[in-house]
Protein backbone atom coordinates (compact mmCIF):
# COMPACT_ATOMS: atom_id res chain seq x y z
CA GLU A 1 -20.25 -18.60 31.68
CA SER A 2 -18.52 -15.26 31.37
CA LEU A 3 -14.84 -14.47 31.78
CA PRO A 4 -14.05 -12.42 34.86
CA ILE A 5 -13.03 -8.88 34.01
CA ARG A 6 -9.53 -9.39 35.41
CA ARG A 7 -8.89 -12.40 33.15
CA ALA A 8 -10.33 -10.55 30.16
CA ALA A 9 -7.93 -7.66 30.84
CA GLY A 10 -5.01 -10.11 31.07
CA LEU A 11 -6.01 -11.74 27.80
CA SER A 12 -6.33 -8.27 26.26
CA VAL A 13 -2.73 -7.48 27.25
CA CYS A 14 -1.61 -10.81 25.76
CA LEU A 15 -3.39 -10.04 22.50
CA GLY A 16 -1.67 -6.65 22.42
CA LEU A 17 1.72 -8.28 22.95
CA LEU A 18 0.91 -10.82 20.24
CA LEU A 19 0.23 -7.91 17.91
CA LEU A 20 3.60 -6.34 18.75
CA ALA A 21 5.37 -9.64 18.15
CA ARG A 22 3.94 -10.01 14.66
CA LEU A 23 1.78 -7.36 13.01
CA ASP A 24 -0.04 -9.79 10.75
CA SER A 25 -1.49 -11.45 13.85
CA ILE A 26 -4.12 -8.69 13.60
CA TRP A 27 -6.06 -11.14 11.39
CA PHE A 28 -6.02 -13.82 14.10
CA ILE A 29 -7.15 -11.26 16.67
CA PHE A 30 -9.91 -10.03 14.35
CA VAL A 31 -11.19 -13.58 13.75
CA PHE A 32 -10.96 -14.39 17.47
CA LEU A 33 -12.90 -11.30 18.57
CA SER A 34 -15.42 -11.66 15.74
CA SER A 35 -16.09 -15.29 16.65
CA LEU A 36 -16.68 -14.28 20.26
CA LEU A 37 -19.16 -11.67 19.07
CA ILE A 38 -20.95 -14.18 16.82
CA ILE A 39 -21.07 -16.91 19.47
CA ASN A 40 -22.09 -14.73 22.43
CA GLY A 41 -23.98 -11.96 20.68
CA LEU A 42 -24.23 -8.67 22.49
CA LYS A 43 -24.80 -10.11 25.96
CA HIS A 44 -21.06 -9.91 26.81
CA LEU A 45 -20.32 -6.64 25.05
CA LYS A 46 -18.41 -5.22 28.04
CA LEU A 47 -15.97 -8.14 28.04
CA LEU A 48 -15.57 -7.90 24.27
CA ALA A 49 -14.73 -4.21 24.65
CA ILE A 50 -12.13 -5.06 27.30
CA LEU A 51 -10.64 -7.78 25.09
CA SER A 52 -10.38 -5.50 22.08
CA ALA A 53 -8.96 -2.54 24.04
CA GLY A 54 -5.47 -4.05 24.42
CA PRO A 55 -4.82 -4.71 20.72
CA PHE A 56 -6.45 -1.41 19.72
CA LEU A 57 -4.34 0.67 22.13
CA THR A 58 -1.20 -1.27 21.22
CA LEU A 59 -1.74 -0.70 17.51
CA PHE A 60 -2.54 2.98 18.04
CA ILE A 61 0.59 3.58 20.13
CA TYR A 62 2.72 1.64 17.64
CA MET A 63 1.42 3.64 14.67
CA ALA A 64 1.77 6.94 16.54
CA ALA A 65 5.38 6.10 17.44
CA ASN A 66 6.07 5.30 13.78
CA GLN A 67 4.62 8.66 12.79
CA VAL A 68 6.70 10.54 15.37
CA PHE A 69 10.01 8.75 14.75
CA PHE A 70 9.83 7.86 11.04
CA GLY A 71 7.24 10.27 9.60
CA ASN A 72 5.02 7.44 8.41
CA TRP A 73 2.04 5.69 9.98
CA MET A 74 3.04 2.34 8.51
CA PRO A 75 5.93 0.20 9.82
CA ALA A 76 9.39 1.26 8.65
CA SER A 77 10.19 -2.30 7.58
CA GLY A 78 7.16 -2.36 5.28
CA SER A 79 8.17 0.97 3.75
CA ALA A 80 11.71 -0.29 3.18
CA LYS A 81 10.47 -3.46 1.50
CA SER A 82 8.19 -1.49 -0.80
CA LEU A 83 11.17 0.46 -2.18
CA GLY A 84 12.53 -2.62 -3.96
CA SER A 85 12.43 -3.07 -7.72
CA GLU A 86 10.22 -5.57 -9.50
CA PHE A 87 13.27 -7.21 -11.06
CA LEU A 88 15.51 -9.17 -8.66
CA GLU A 89 13.81 -7.56 -5.62
CA ILE A 90 16.79 -5.25 -5.03
CA ASN A 91 16.30 -2.41 -2.62
CA HIS A 92 18.25 0.50 -4.09
CA LEU A 93 18.08 2.47 -0.86
CA PHE A 94 20.64 0.14 0.72
CA LEU A 95 22.98 0.25 -2.29
CA ARG A 96 23.91 3.92 -1.86
């Protein structure tokens, strides 16, 4: 039995919000959508496209906003963490 399009769109929005809450949830979303594809095959491709649209658009808007406001496609927190030293994990940017 197939999900109605309205419920698939609601679940898509929830997956997008999950992605905003924690960026590493992209792996859960990937496994979830991949398992749906493996289980159902291509017979429910329209619903799979609807389900994947929310996280895709959310991630695109998030990355575009990072580019506009911070000049980097990646999250600002990840860039700040990568500035630390290998010894004692001190971020010298915040020591100035």
